[in-house]
Amino acid sequence: MESNREHGEGRRDVVVYDPIEGRVAVFEAKYFHTIEDMEKDCEKALQQIDKKMYAKDYEEEYDEIFYYGIAFFRKRCLVKRMISD
């Protein structure tokens, strides 16, 4: 696992590696001030991973890349996952 190292066109929050199974997970987390926006904010986090190419460096080495968008509001969180093509 590593955190906040620059890849692609920016910095992603956390990356977790599974070299044995050939998988990697890229996490982008957001903290917001209204519970109503959590769903939309998860989507924004996923779009940021894709748009800024945070997973680009892992495409050659890993078979599966998972994107996780996380939105926090106080003690609640919502997590959405997208699998790279």
PDB file of N, CA and C in Angstrom:
ATOM      1  N   MET A   1       0.852  -1.167   0.000  1.00  0.00           N
ATOM      2  CA  MET A   1       0.000   0.000   0.000  1.00  0.00           C
ATOM      3  C   MET A   1       0.897   1.228   0.000  1.00  0.00           C
ATOM      4  N   GLU A   2       0.473   2.246  -0.723  1.00  0.00           N
ATOM      5  CA  GLU A   2       1.178   3.520  -0.686  1.00  0.00           C
ATOM      6  C   GLU A   2       0.151   4.632  -0.703  1.00  0.00           C
ATOM      7  N   SER A   3       0.576   5.793  -0.307  1.00  0.00           N
ATOM      8  CA  SER A   3      -0.355   6.894  -0.196  1.00  0.00           C
ATOM      9  C   SER A   3       0.246   8.170  -0.770  1.00  0.00           C
ATOM     10  N   ASN A   4      -0.584   8.898  -1.514  1.00  0.00           N
ATOM     11  CA  ASN A   4      -0.289  10.257  -1.938  1.00  0.00           C
ATOM     12  C   ASN A   4       1.007  10.434  -2.726  1.00  0.00           C
ATOM     13  N   ARG A   5       1.326   9.508  -3.599  1.00  0.00           N
ATOM     14  CA  ARG A   5       2.464   9.651  -4.494  1.00  0.00           C
ATOM     15  C   ARG A   5       1.932  10.042  -5.863  1.00  0.00           C
ATOM     16  N   GLU A   6       2.623  10.910  -6.552  1.00  0.00           N
ATOM     17  CA  GLU A   6       2.112  11.408  -7.821  1.00  0.00           C
ATOM     18  C   GLU A   6       2.216  10.350  -8.915  1.00  0.00           C
ATOM     19  N   HIS A   7       1.106  10.139  -9.614  1.00  0.00           N
ATOM     20  CA  HIS A   7       1.012   9.238 -10.770  1.00  0.00           C
ATOM     21  C   HIS A   7       0.109   9.904 -11.781  1.00  0.00           C
ATOM     22  N   GLY A   8       0.274   9.564 -13.053  1.00  0.00           N
ATOM     23  CA  GLY A   8      -0.594  10.155 -14.067  1.00  0.00           C
ATOM     24  C   GLY A   8      -0.482  11.671 -14.016  1.00  0.00           C
ATOM     25  N   GLU A   9      -1.612  12.348 -13.849  1.00  0.00           N
ATOM     26  CA  GLU A   9      -1.634  13.806 -13.830  1.00  0.00           C
ATOM     27  C   GLU A   9      -2.000  14.357 -12.460  1.00  0.00           C
ATOM     28  N   GLY A  10      -1.565  13.705 -11.407  1.00  0.00           N
ATOM     29  CA  GLY A  10      -1.888  14.219 -10.087  1.00  0.00           C
ATOM     30  C   GLY A  10      -1.595  13.216  -8.997  1.00  0.00           C
ATOM     31  N   ARG A  11      -2.245  13.410  -7.870  1.00  0.00           N
ATOM     32  CA  ARG A  11      -2.023  12.551  -6.707  1.00  0.00           C
ATOM     33  C   ARG A  11      -3.316  11.854  -6.313  1.00  0.00           C
ATOM     34  N   ARG A  12      -3.245  10.554  -6.168  1.00  0.00           N
ATOM     35  CA  ARG A  12      -4.387   9.800  -5.679  1.00  0.00           C
ATOM     36  C   ARG A  12      -4.182   9.588  -4.199  1.00  0.00           C
ATOM     37  N   ASP A  13      -5.252   9.277  -3.484  1.00  0.00           N
ATOM     38  CA  ASP A  13      -5.161   9.209  -2.032  1.00  0.00           C
ATOM     39  C   ASP A  13      -4.475   7.943  -1.521  1.00  0.00           C
ATOM     40  N   VAL A  14      -4.893   6.781  -2.016  1.00  0.00           N
ATOM     41  CA  VAL A  14      -4.331   5.516  -1.533  1.00  0.00           C
ATOM     42  C   VAL A  14      -4.336   4.505  -2.670  1.00  0.00           C
ATOM     43  N   VAL A  15      -3.292   3.663  -2.715  1.00  0.00           N
ATOM     44  CA  VAL A  15      -3.243   2.546  -3.659  1.00  0.00           C
ATOM     45  C   VAL A  15      -2.911   1.288  -2.863  1.00  0.00           C
ATOM     46  N   VAL A  16      -3.665   0.209  -3.109  1.00  0.00           N
ATOM     47  CA  VAL A  16      -3.424  -1.073  -2.449  1.00  0.00           C
ATOM     48  C   VAL A  16      -3.093  -2.096  -3.533  1.00  0.00           C
ATOM     49  N   TYR A  17      -1.973  -2.799  -3.358  1.00  0.00           N
ATOM     50  CA  TYR A  17      -1.489  -3.754  -4.344  1.00  0.00           C
ATOM     51  C   TYR A  17      -1.771  -5.189  -3.903  1.00  0.00           C
ATOM     52  N   ASP A  18      -2.105  -6.040  -4.875  1.00  0.00           N
ATOM     53  CA  ASP A  18      -2.215  -7.480  -4.668  1.00  0.00           C
ATOM     54  C   ASP A  18      -1.434  -8.143  -5.811  1.00  0.00           C
ATOM     55  N   PRO A  19      -0.095  -8.204  -5.686  1.00  0.00           N
ATOM     56  CA  PRO A  19       0.711  -8.730  -6.789  1.00  0.00           C
ATOM     57  C   PRO A  19       0.501 -10.222  -7.049  1.00  0.00           C
ATOM     58  N   ILE A  20       0.082 -10.962  -6.049  1.00  0.00           N
ATOM     59  CA  ILE A  20      -0.133 -12.398  -6.222  1.00  0.00           C
ATOM     60  C   ILE A  20      -1.310 -12.662  -7.157  1.00  0.00           C
ATOM     61  N   GLU A  21      -2.391 -11.923  -6.987  1.00  0.00           N
ATOM     62  CA  GLU A  21      -3.582 -12.074  -7.821  1.00  0.00           C
ATOM     63  C   GLU A  21      -3.589 -11.122  -9.017  1.00  0.00           C
ATOM     64  N   GLY A  22      -2.594 -10.245  -9.117  1.00  0.00           N
ATOM     65  CA  GLY A  22      -2.510  -9.321 -10.246  1.00  0.00           C
ATOM     66  C   GLY A  22      -3.545  -8.220 -10.219  1.00  0.00           C
ATOM     67  N   ARG A  23      -3.861  -7.727  -9.005  1.00  0.00           N
ATOM     68  CA  ARG A  23      -4.870  -6.680  -8.861  1.00  0.00           C
ATOM     69  C   ARG A  23      -4.293  -5.481  -8.122  1.00  0.00           C
ATOM     70  N   VAL A  24      -4.874  -4.336  -8.404  1.00  0.00           N
ATOM     71  CA  VAL A  24      -4.510  -3.108  -7.696  1.00  0.00           C
ATOM     72  C   VAL A  24      -5.788  -2.297  -7.512  1.00  0.00           C
ATOM     73  N   ALA A  25      -5.887  -1.598  -6.389  1.00  0.00           N
ATOM     74  CA  ALA A  25      -7.049  -0.757  -6.102  1.00  0.00           C
ATOM     75  C   ALA A  25      -6.578   0.670  -5.859  1.00  0.00           C
ATOM     76  N   VAL A  26      -7.217   1.619  -6.533  1.00  0.00           N
ATOM     77  CA  VAL A  26      -6.895   3.045  -6.401  1.00  0.00           C
ATOM     78  C   VAL A  26      -8.075   3.725  -5.715  1.00  0.00           C
ATOM     79  N   PHE A  27      -7.797   4.438  -4.630  1.00  0.00           N
ATOM     80  CA  PHE A  27      -8.837   5.079  -3.830  1.00  0.00           C
ATOM     81  C   PHE A  27      -8.717   6.595  -3.903  1.00  0.00           C
ATOM     82  N   GLU A  28      -9.849   7.254  -4.068  1.00  0.00           N
ATOM     83  CA  GLU A  28      -9.935   8.716  -3.990  1.00  0.00           C
ATOM     84  C   GLU A  28     -11.061   9.029  -3.012  1.00  0.00           C
ATOM     85  N   ALA A  29     -10.754   9.796  -1.979  1.00  0.00           N
ATOM     86  CA  ALA A  29     -11.733  10.106  -0.938  1.00  0.00           C
ATOM     87  C   ALA A  29     -12.046  11.593  -0.923  1.00  0.00           C
ATOM     88  N   LYS A  30     -13.303  11.892  -0.643  1.00  0.00           N
ATOM     89  CA  LYS A  30     -13.774  13.274  -0.559  1.00  0.00           C
ATOM     90  C   LYS A  30     -14.546  13.448   0.736  1.00  0.00           C
ATOM     91  N   TYR A  31     -14.402  14.596   1.362  1.00  0.00           N
ATOM     92  CA  TYR A  31     -15.191  14.937   2.542  1.00  0.00           C
ATOM     93  C   TYR A  31     -16.079  16.107   2.174  1.00  0.00           C
ATOM     94  N   PHE A  32     -17.378  15.961   2.447  1.00  0.00           N
ATOM     95  CA  PHE A  32     -18.307  17.003   2.050  1.00  0.00           C
ATOM     96  C   PHE A  32     -19.192  17.418   3.202  1.00  0.00           C
ATOM     97  N   HIS A  33     -19.864  18.528   3.018  1.00  0.00           N
ATOM     98  CA  HIS A  33     -20.610  19.157   4.096  1.00  0.00           C
ATOM     99  C   HIS A  33     -22.112  18.870   4.083  1.00  0.00           C
ATOM    100  N   THR A  34     -22.605  18.149   3.081  1.00  0.00           N
ATOM    101  CA  THR A  34     -24.033  17.808   3.064  1.00  0.00           C
ATOM    102  C   THR A  34     -24.196  16.338   2.691  1.00  0.00           C
ATOM    103  N   ILE A  35     -25.096  15.672   3.369  1.00  0.00           N
ATOM    104  CA  ILE A  35     -25.343  14.256   3.112  1.00  0.00           C
ATOM    105  C   ILE A  35     -26.011  14.052   1.756  1.00  0.00           C
ATOM    106  N   GLU A  36     -26.742  15.037   1.291  1.00  0.00           N
ATOM    107  CA  GLU A  36     -27.458  14.921   0.020  1.00  0.00           C
ATOM    108  C   GLU A  36     -26.515  14.755  -1.172  1.00  0.00           C
ATOM    109  N   ASP A  37     -25.281  15.213  -1.047  1.00  0.00           N
ATOM    110  CA  ASP A  37     -24.338  15.182  -2.166  1.00  0.00           C
ATOM    111  C   ASP A  37     -23.435  13.947  -2.184  1.00  0.00           C
ATOM    112  N   MET A  38     -23.609  13.034  -1.248  1.00  0.00           N
ATOM    113  CA  MET A  38     -22.675  11.907  -1.159  1.00  0.00           C
ATOM    114  C   MET A  38     -22.632  11.056  -2.423  1.00  0.00           C
ATOM    115  N   GLU A  39     -23.765  10.738  -2.989  1.00  0.00           N
ATOM    116  CA  GLU A  39     -23.810   9.919  -4.206  1.00  0.00           C
ATOM    117  C   GLU A  39     -23.066  10.611  -5.348  1.00  0.00           C
ATOM    118  N   LYS A  40     -23.375  11.875  -5.552  1.00  0.00           N
ATOM    119  CA  LYS A  40     -22.734  12.659  -6.607  1.00  0.00           C
ATOM    120  C   LYS A  40     -21.230  12.792  -6.351  1.00  0.00           C
ATOM    121  N   ASP A  41     -20.857  12.942  -5.096  1.00  0.00           N
ATOM    122  CA  ASP A  41     -19.454  13.124  -4.760  1.00  0.00           C
ATOM    123  C   ASP A  41     -18.636  11.851  -4.959  1.00  0.00           C
ATOM    124  N   CYS A  42     -19.237  10.692  -4.730  1.00  0.00           N
ATOM    125  CA  CYS A  42     -18.570   9.434  -5.046  1.00  0.00           C
ATOM    126  C   CYS A  42     -18.276   9.353  -6.542  1.00  0.00           C
ATOM    127  N   GLU A  43     -19.259   9.734  -7.343  1.00  0.00           N
ATOM    128  CA  GLU A  43     -19.062   9.739  -8.797  1.00  0.00           C
ATOM    129  C   GLU A  43     -17.938  10.705  -9.200  1.00  0.00           C
ATOM    130  N   LYS A  44     -17.894  11.861  -8.556  1.00  0.00           N
ATOM    131  CA  LYS A  44     -16.829  12.828  -8.843  1.00  0.00           C
ATOM    132  C   LYS A  44     -15.452  12.242  -8.523  1.00  0.00           C
ATOM    133  N   ALA A  45     -15.355  11.519  -7.425  1.00  0.00           N
ATOM    134  CA  ALA A  45     -14.081  10.898  -7.051  1.00  0.00           C
ATOM    135  C   ALA A  45     -13.668   9.866  -8.096  1.00  0.00           C
ATOM    136  N   LEU A  46     -14.621   9.040  -8.572  1.00  0.00           N
ATOM    137  CA  LEU A  46     -14.318   8.062  -9.615  1.00  0.00           C
ATOM    138  C   LEU A  46     -13.893   8.747 -10.908  1.00  0.00           C
ATOM    139  N   GLN A  47     -14.584   9.819 -11.265  1.00  0.00           N
ATOM    140  CA  GLN A  47     -14.236  10.560 -12.474  1.00  0.00           C
ATOM    141  C   GLN A  47     -12.846  11.179 -12.354  1.00  0.00           C
ATOM    142  N   GLN A  48     -12.489  11.630 -11.168  1.00  0.00           N
ATOM    143  CA  GLN A  48     -11.166  12.211 -10.964  1.00  0.00           C
ATOM    144  C   GLN A  48     -10.066  11.166 -11.168  1.00  0.00           C
ATOM    145  N   ILE A  49     -10.277   9.946 -10.667  1.00  0.00           N
ATOM    146  CA  ILE A  49      -9.305   8.867 -10.869  1.00  0.00           C
ATOM    147  C   ILE A  49      -9.113   8.620 -12.355  1.00  0.00           C
ATOM    148  N   ASP A  50     -10.220   8.565 -13.087  1.00  0.00           N
ATOM    149  CA  ASP A  50     -10.168   8.300 -14.527  1.00  0.00           C
ATOM    150  C   ASP A  50      -9.568   9.476 -15.290  1.00  0.00           C
ATOM    151  N   LYS A  51     -10.064  10.667 -15.041  1.00  0.00           N
ATOM    152  CA  LYS A  51      -9.629  11.856 -15.776  1.00  0.00           C
ATOM    153  C   LYS A  51      -8.143  12.167 -15.570  1.00  0.00           C
ATOM    154  N   LYS A  52      -7.676  12.018 -14.352  1.00  0.00           N
ATOM    155  CA  LYS A  52      -6.281  12.343 -14.042  1.00  0.00           C
ATOM    156  C   LYS A  52      -5.351  11.143 -14.199  1.00  0.00           C
ATOM    157  N   MET A  53      -5.894  10.032 -14.690  1.00  0.00           N
ATOM    158  CA  MET A  53      -5.123   8.831 -15.028  1.00  0.00           C
ATOM    159  C   MET A  53      -4.286   8.307 -13.859  1.00  0.00           C
ATOM    160  N   TYR A  54      -4.867   8.274 -12.682  1.00  0.00           N
ATOM    161  CA  TYR A  54      -4.137   7.795 -11.510  1.00  0.00           C
ATOM    162  C   TYR A  54      -3.713   6.336 -11.637  1.00  0.00           C
ATOM    163  N   ALA A  55      -4.424   5.547 -12.419  1.00  0.00           N
ATOM    164  CA  ALA A  55      -4.130   4.120 -12.535  1.00  0.00           C
ATOM    165  C   ALA A  55      -3.241   3.781 -13.723  1.00  0.00           C
ATOM    166  N   LYS A  56      -2.875   4.751 -14.515  1.00  0.00           N
ATOM    167  CA  LYS A  56      -2.127   4.512 -15.752  1.00  0.00           C
ATOM    168  C   LYS A  56      -0.839   3.709 -15.526  1.00  0.00           C
ATOM    169  N   ASP A  57      -0.109   4.021 -14.474  1.00  0.00           N
ATOM    170  CA  ASP A  57       1.162   3.342 -14.213  1.00  0.00           C
ATOM    171  C   ASP A  57       1.005   1.857 -13.894  1.00  0.00           C
ATOM    172  N   TYR A  58      -0.193   1.407 -13.616  1.00  0.00           N
ATOM    173  CA  TYR A  58      -0.411   0.021 -13.203  1.00  0.00           C
ATOM    174  C   TYR A  58      -0.938  -0.856 -14.329  1.00  0.00           C
ATOM    175  N   GLU A  59      -1.272  -0.282 -15.472  1.00  0.00           N
ATOM    176  CA  GLU A  59      -1.912  -1.017 -16.562  1.00  0.00           C
ATOM    177  C   GLU A  59      -1.057  -2.152 -17.109  1.00  0.00           C
ATOM    178  N   GLU A  60       0.239  -1.961 -17.182  1.00  0.00           N
ATOM    179  CA  GLU A  60       1.128  -2.982 -17.748  1.00  0.00           C
ATOM    180  C   GLU A  60       1.367  -4.140 -16.774  1.00  0.00           C
ATOM    181  N   GLU A  61       1.407  -3.836 -15.496  1.00  0.00           N
ATOM    182  CA  GLU A  61       1.812  -4.820 -14.496  1.00  0.00           C
ATOM    183  C   GLU A  61       0.662  -5.610 -13.871  1.00  0.00           C
ATOM    184  N   TYR A  62      -0.549  -5.040 -13.863  1.00  0.00           N
ATOM    185  CA  TYR A  62      -1.675  -5.664 -13.171  1.00  0.00           C
ATOM    186  C   TYR A  62      -2.794  -6.022 -14.140  1.00  0.00           C
ATOM    187  N   ASP A  63      -3.444  -7.161 -13.879  1.00  0.00           N
ATOM    188  CA  ASP A  63      -4.536  -7.638 -14.726  1.00  0.00           C
ATOM    189  C   ASP A  63      -5.837  -6.886 -14.470  1.00  0.00           C
ATOM    190  N   GLU A  64      -6.095  -6.562 -13.217  1.00  0.00           N
ATOM    191  CA  GLU A  64      -7.328  -5.858 -12.845  1.00  0.00           C
ATOM    192  C   GLU A  64      -6.982  -4.600 -12.052  1.00  0.00           C
ATOM    193  N   ILE A  65      -7.663  -3.523 -12.396  1.00  0.00           N
ATOM    194  CA  ILE A  65      -7.513  -2.271 -11.655  1.00  0.00           C
ATOM    195  C   ILE A  65      -8.893  -1.851 -11.180  1.00  0.00           C
ATOM    196  N   PHE A  66      -9.010  -1.657  -9.886  1.00  0.00           N
ATOM    197  CA  PHE A  66     -10.273  -1.244  -9.284  1.00  0.00           C
ATOM    198  C   PHE A  66     -10.160   0.216  -8.864  1.00  0.00           C
ATOM    199  N   TYR A  67     -11.173   0.993  -9.178  1.00  0.00           N
ATOM    200  CA  TYR A  67     -11.253   2.381  -8.736  1.00  0.00           C
ATOM    201  C   TYR A  67     -12.296   2.449  -7.625  1.00  0.00           C
ATOM    202  N   TYR A  68     -11.972   3.124  -6.536  1.00  0.00           N
ATOM    203  CA  TYR A  68     -12.925   3.321  -5.442  1.00  0.00           C
ATOM    204  C   TYR A  68     -13.076   4.809  -5.167  1.00  0.00           C
ATOM    205  N   GLY A  69     -14.290   5.290  -5.276  1.00  0.00           N
ATOM    206  CA  GLY A  69     -14.613   6.658  -4.895  1.00  0.00           C
ATOM    207  C   GLY A  69     -15.294   6.621  -3.540  1.00  0.00           C
ATOM    208  N   ILE A  70     -14.805   7.415  -2.617  1.00  0.00           N
ATOM    209  CA  ILE A  70     -15.339   7.423  -1.253  1.00  0.00           C
ATOM    210  C   ILE A  70     -15.757   8.841  -0.896  1.00  0.00           C
ATOM    211  N   ALA A  71     -16.979   8.981  -0.408  1.00  0.00           N
ATOM    212  CA  ALA A  71     -17.467  10.284   0.050  1.00  0.00           C
ATOM    213  C   ALA A  71     -17.786  10.182   1.535  1.00  0.00           C
ATOM    214  N   PHE A  72     -17.255  11.103   2.303  1.00  0.00           N
ATOM    215  CA  PHE A  72     -17.491  11.146   3.749  1.00  0.00           C
ATOM    216  C   PHE A  72     -18.380  12.324   4.104  1.00  0.00           C
ATOM    217  N   PHE A  73     -19.271  12.088   5.041  1.00  0.00           N
ATOM    218  CA  PHE A  73     -20.050  13.161   5.656  1.00  0.00           C
ATOM    219  C   PHE A  73     -20.173  12.814   7.126  1.00  0.00           C
ATOM    220  N   ARG A  74     -19.542  13.584   7.964  1.00  0.00           N
ATOM    221  CA  ARG A  74     -19.492  13.314   9.407  1.00  0.00           C
ATOM    222  C   ARG A  74     -19.034  11.884   9.639  1.00  0.00           C
ATOM    223  N   LYS A  75     -19.849  11.046  10.264  1.00  0.00           N
ATOM    224  CA  LYS A  75     -19.445   9.656  10.544  1.00  0.00           C
ATOM    225  C   LYS A  75     -19.997   8.669   9.527  1.00  0.00           C
ATOM    226  N   ARG A  76     -20.501   9.160   8.426  1.00  0.00           N
ATOM    227  CA  ARG A  76     -21.046   8.305   7.368  1.00  0.00           C
ATOM    228  C   ARG A  76     -20.112   8.313   6.171  1.00  0.00           C
ATOM    229  N   CYS A  77     -20.149   7.220   5.449  1.00  0.00           N
ATOM    230  CA  CYS A  77     -19.383   7.212   4.203  1.00  0.00           C
ATOM    231  C   CYS A  77     -20.114   6.355   3.178  1.00  0.00           C
ATOM    232  N   LEU A  78     -19.886   6.692   1.927  1.00  0.00           N
ATOM    233  CA  LEU A  78     -20.443   5.963   0.796  1.00  0.00           C
ATOM    234  C   LEU A  78     -19.277   5.598  -0.105  1.00  0.00           C
ATOM    235  N   VAL A  79     -19.244   4.346  -0.554  1.00  0.00           N
ATOM    236  CA  VAL A  79     -18.152   3.867  -1.398  1.00  0.00           C
ATOM    237  C   VAL A  79     -18.749   3.324  -2.690  1.00  0.00           C
ATOM    238  N   LYS A  80     -18.164   3.737  -3.818  1.00  0.00           N
ATOM    239  CA  LYS A  80     -18.554   3.197  -5.123  1.00  0.00           C
ATOM    240  C   LYS A  80     -17.309   2.632  -5.788  1.00  0.00           C
ATOM    241  N   ARG A  81     -17.503   1.555  -6.547  1.00  0.00           N
ATOM    242  CA  ARG A  81     -16.383   0.915  -7.219  1.00  0.00           C
ATOM    243  C   ARG A  81     -16.603   0.873  -8.716  1.00  0.00           C
ATOM    244  N   MET A  82     -15.508   1.032  -9.437  1.00  0.00           N
ATOM    245  CA  MET A  82     -15.521   0.896 -10.890  1.00  0.00           C
ATOM    246  C   MET A  82     -14.311   0.041 -11.253  1.00  0.00           C
ATOM    247  N   ILE A  83     -14.475  -0.865 -12.204  1.00  0.00           N
ATOM    248  CA  ILE A  83     -13.371  -1.713 -12.655  1.00  0.00           C
ATOM    249  C   ILE A  83     -12.887  -1.173 -13.995  1.00  0.00           C
ATOM    250  N   SER A  84     -11.583  -1.011 -14.107  1.00  0.00           N
ATOM    251  CA  SER A  84     -10.974  -0.498 -15.340  1.00  0.00           C
ATOM    252  C   SER A  84     -11.175  -1.486 -16.474  1.00  0.00           C
ATOM    253  N   ASP A  85     -11.325  -0.950 -17.682  1.00  0.00           N
ATOM    254  CA  ASP A  85     -11.480  -1.819 -18.875  1.00  0.00           C
ATOM    255  C   ASP A  85     -10.191  -2.491 -19.233  1.00  0.00           C
TER     256      ASP A  85
END
